[in-house]
Structure formats: C-alpha cells, structure tokens
Amino acid sequence: MTRWRHFLAQTQEIALGIDGTLNAVAGMLSFFWSLAMRRDLPKLHYAEETISAHLHRRQQEGTVWGRLLAPTVNLLFALFQRDERGRVIRDHCRRAYEREMNRYYLPPEYRTEVKRQSDG
C-alpha cells in the first residue's frame, strides 16, 4: 500500500468513526425528544452503524424519517460518489447497509464468523 492510499484509508476510518458517533448522538437526541413529546421510545441508533445504513433500515421499516431522509442522502451521494467504472451510485444507503451486514468496516480478522463453542 502506498503512503497516499494508507493516508486515504486512515482518513476513511476517521470519517466512519465520526459518522458512527453522530448516529449515536442522533439516537440520544431522539430519546430526549420522545421524552419531551411524551411519545414512545425510539429505536436504538448504534455507534457502530453508519447514518446511511441506519436510514436504509428506517426506510425499509416505513418510518417517516427513513422515507424522507434516505432518498435525500442517496441524492447527495449520487452527486459525488462513483463506482470503480465511473458510474453514478444511486443506492448509497442500501449499499451502506449491505456493507454493514457484510462487516466491511471491521478489520479483516473480524469479518469471518466465529463459531461459539458450547459451554457443555
């Protein structure tokens, strides 16, 4: 790996860390909002999940925020993000969700499933 690629990879790790932190902060804010408005508690926002993946899950559940924000985030990323062949990526949130499901953002040694040994 060249120094430049290493720099870019580390920068992406920082961006993912900030993204997960902001997702967790949004979860806390929605918690306080639900208390103030006397509404049901919101679903958890996980620190290890990107905002885009979270929005895709909410869109699939049919929530208002998911239906409004996921297409907006998809559009914003479509303006700037391209695949390896230079084509526009239209489903950013879905792709982020799939990467989360495939453990793409974990270190390679964490990506394989570890079988639990029985205690018996």
Protein backbone atom coordinates (compact mmCIF):
# COMPACT_ATOMS: atom_id res chain seq x y z
CA MET A 1 0.00 0.00 0.00
CA THR A 2 1.40 3.38 -0.95
CA ARG A 3 1.62 6.19 1.56
CA TRP A 4 -1.18 8.04 -0.21
CA ARG A 5 -3.53 5.02 -0.15
CA HIS A 6 -2.67 4.45 3.50
CA PHE A 7 -3.48 8.10 4.24
CA LEU A 8 -6.81 7.84 2.39
CA ALA A 9 -7.71 4.59 4.18
CA GLN A 10 -6.96 6.12 7.57
CA THR A 11 -8.98 9.22 6.66
CA GLN A 12 -11.93 6.98 5.78
CA GLU A 13 -11.62 5.29 9.19
CA ILE A 14 -11.80 8.69 10.90
CA ALA A 15 -14.85 9.65 8.81
CA LEU A 16 -16.56 6.36 9.72
CA GLY A 17 -15.81 6.96 13.40
CA ILE A 18 -17.34 10.43 13.23
CA ASP A 19 -20.33 9.03 11.30
CA GLY A 20 -20.99 6.38 13.96
CA THR A 21 -20.61 8.91 16.75
CA LEU A 22 -23.08 11.26 15.08
CA ASN A 23 -25.51 8.36 14.65
CA ALA A 24 -25.31 7.60 18.39
CA VAL A 25 -25.75 11.29 19.25
CA ALA A 26 -28.82 11.44 17.00
CA GLY A 27 -30.19 8.47 18.91
CA MET A 28 -29.74 10.28 22.22
CA LEU A 29 -31.38 13.41 20.83
CA SER A 30 -34.34 11.40 19.57
CA PHE A 31 -34.58 9.79 23.02
CA PHE A 32 -34.83 13.19 24.73
CA TRP A 33 -37.26 14.40 22.06
CA SER A 34 -39.51 11.39 22.70
CA LEU A 35 -39.46 12.13 26.43
CA ALA A 36 -40.29 15.80 25.89
CA MET A 37 -43.12 14.99 23.47
CA ARG A 38 -44.34 12.06 25.62
CA ARG A 39 -44.02 9.62 22.75
CA ASP A 40 -42.89 6.01 22.52
CA LEU A 41 -39.18 5.46 22.88
CA PRO A 42 -37.31 5.50 19.57
CA LYS A 43 -35.34 2.56 18.22
CA LEU A 44 -31.67 2.49 19.09
CA HIS A 45 -29.04 4.24 16.99
CA TYR A 46 -25.91 2.11 17.17
CA ALA A 47 -22.45 3.70 17.39
CA GLU A 48 -21.02 1.06 15.04
CA GLU A 49 -23.63 1.75 12.36
CA THR A 50 -23.32 4.49 9.76
CA ILE A 51 -26.07 7.05 9.42
CA SER A 52 -26.72 5.86 5.86
CA ALA A 53 -27.19 2.23 6.94
CA HIS A 54 -29.47 3.39 9.76
CA LEU A 55 -31.57 5.42 7.32
CA HIS A 56 -31.90 2.43 4.99
CA ARG A 57 -33.20 0.30 7.88
CA ARG A 58 -35.69 3.01 8.82
CA GLN A 59 -36.78 3.37 5.19
CA GLN A 60 -37.41 -0.38 4.99
CA GLU A 61 -39.50 -0.16 8.16
CA GLY A 62 -41.54 2.62 6.56
CA THR A 63 -40.80 5.33 9.11
CA VAL A 64 -41.32 8.96 8.10
CA TRP A 65 -37.69 9.89 8.75
CA GLY A 66 -36.43 6.95 6.74
CA ARG A 67 -38.74 7.68 3.81
CA LEU A 68 -37.70 11.35 3.78
CA LEU A 69 -34.01 11.26 4.58
CA ALA A 70 -32.76 8.09 2.83
CA PRO A 71 -33.68 9.39 -0.67
CA THR A 72 -32.15 12.76 0.22
CA VAL A 73 -28.86 11.16 1.32
CA ASN A 74 -28.92 8.94 -1.79
CA LEU A 75 -29.30 12.02 -3.97
CA LEU A 76 -26.46 13.88 -2.24
CA PHE A 77 -24.10 10.94 -2.63
CA ALA A 78 -25.21 10.42 -6.25
CA LEU A 79 -23.87 13.89 -7.00
CA PHE A 80 -20.36 13.00 -5.80
CA GLN A 81 -19.89 9.24 -5.47
CA ARG A 82 -18.87 6.99 -8.36
CA ASP A 83 -18.14 3.27 -8.59
CA GLU A 84 -14.93 1.76 -9.98
CA ARG A 85 -16.14 2.26 -13.56
CA GLY A 86 -17.09 5.90 -13.00
CA ARG A 87 -20.84 5.26 -12.91
CA VAL A 88 -23.12 7.15 -10.52
CA ILE A 89 -24.04 5.22 -7.37
CA ARG A 90 -27.77 5.64 -6.82
CA ASP A 91 -28.42 3.42 -3.78
CA HIS A 92 -25.88 4.73 -1.28
CA CYS A 93 -27.95 3.91 1.83
CA ARG A 94 -28.74 0.37 0.69
CA ARG A 95 -25.08 -0.24 -0.20
CA ALA A 96 -24.01 1.12 3.21
CA TYR A 97 -26.47 -1.25 4.89
CA GLU A 98 -25.14 -4.20 2.88
CA ARG A 99 -21.57 -3.30 3.81
CA GLU A 100 -22.59 -3.21 7.47
CA MET A 101 -24.23 -6.63 7.11
CA ASN A 102 -21.06 -8.00 5.49
CA ARG A 103 -18.91 -6.42 8.22
CA TYR A 104 -16.97 -4.49 5.59
CA TYR A 105 -15.84 -1.77 8.01
CA LEU A 106 -14.39 -4.19 10.54
CA PRO A 107 -10.75 -5.28 10.44
CA PRO A 108 -10.30 -8.29 8.13
CA GLU A 109 -9.70 -10.70 11.00
CA TYR A 110 -13.12 -9.77 12.48
CA ARG A 111 -15.05 -10.33 9.25
CA THR A 112 -15.16 -14.10 9.39
CA GLU A 113 -17.82 -15.64 11.55
CA VAL A 114 -16.55 -17.08 14.76
CA LYS A 115 -18.37 -20.20 15.86
CA ARG A 116 -19.14 -20.27 19.54
CA GLN A 117 -18.04 -23.28 21.48
CA SER A 118 -20.71 -24.80 23.66
CA ASP A 119 -20.22 -24.48 27.39
CA GLY A 120 -21.30 -28.09 27.92
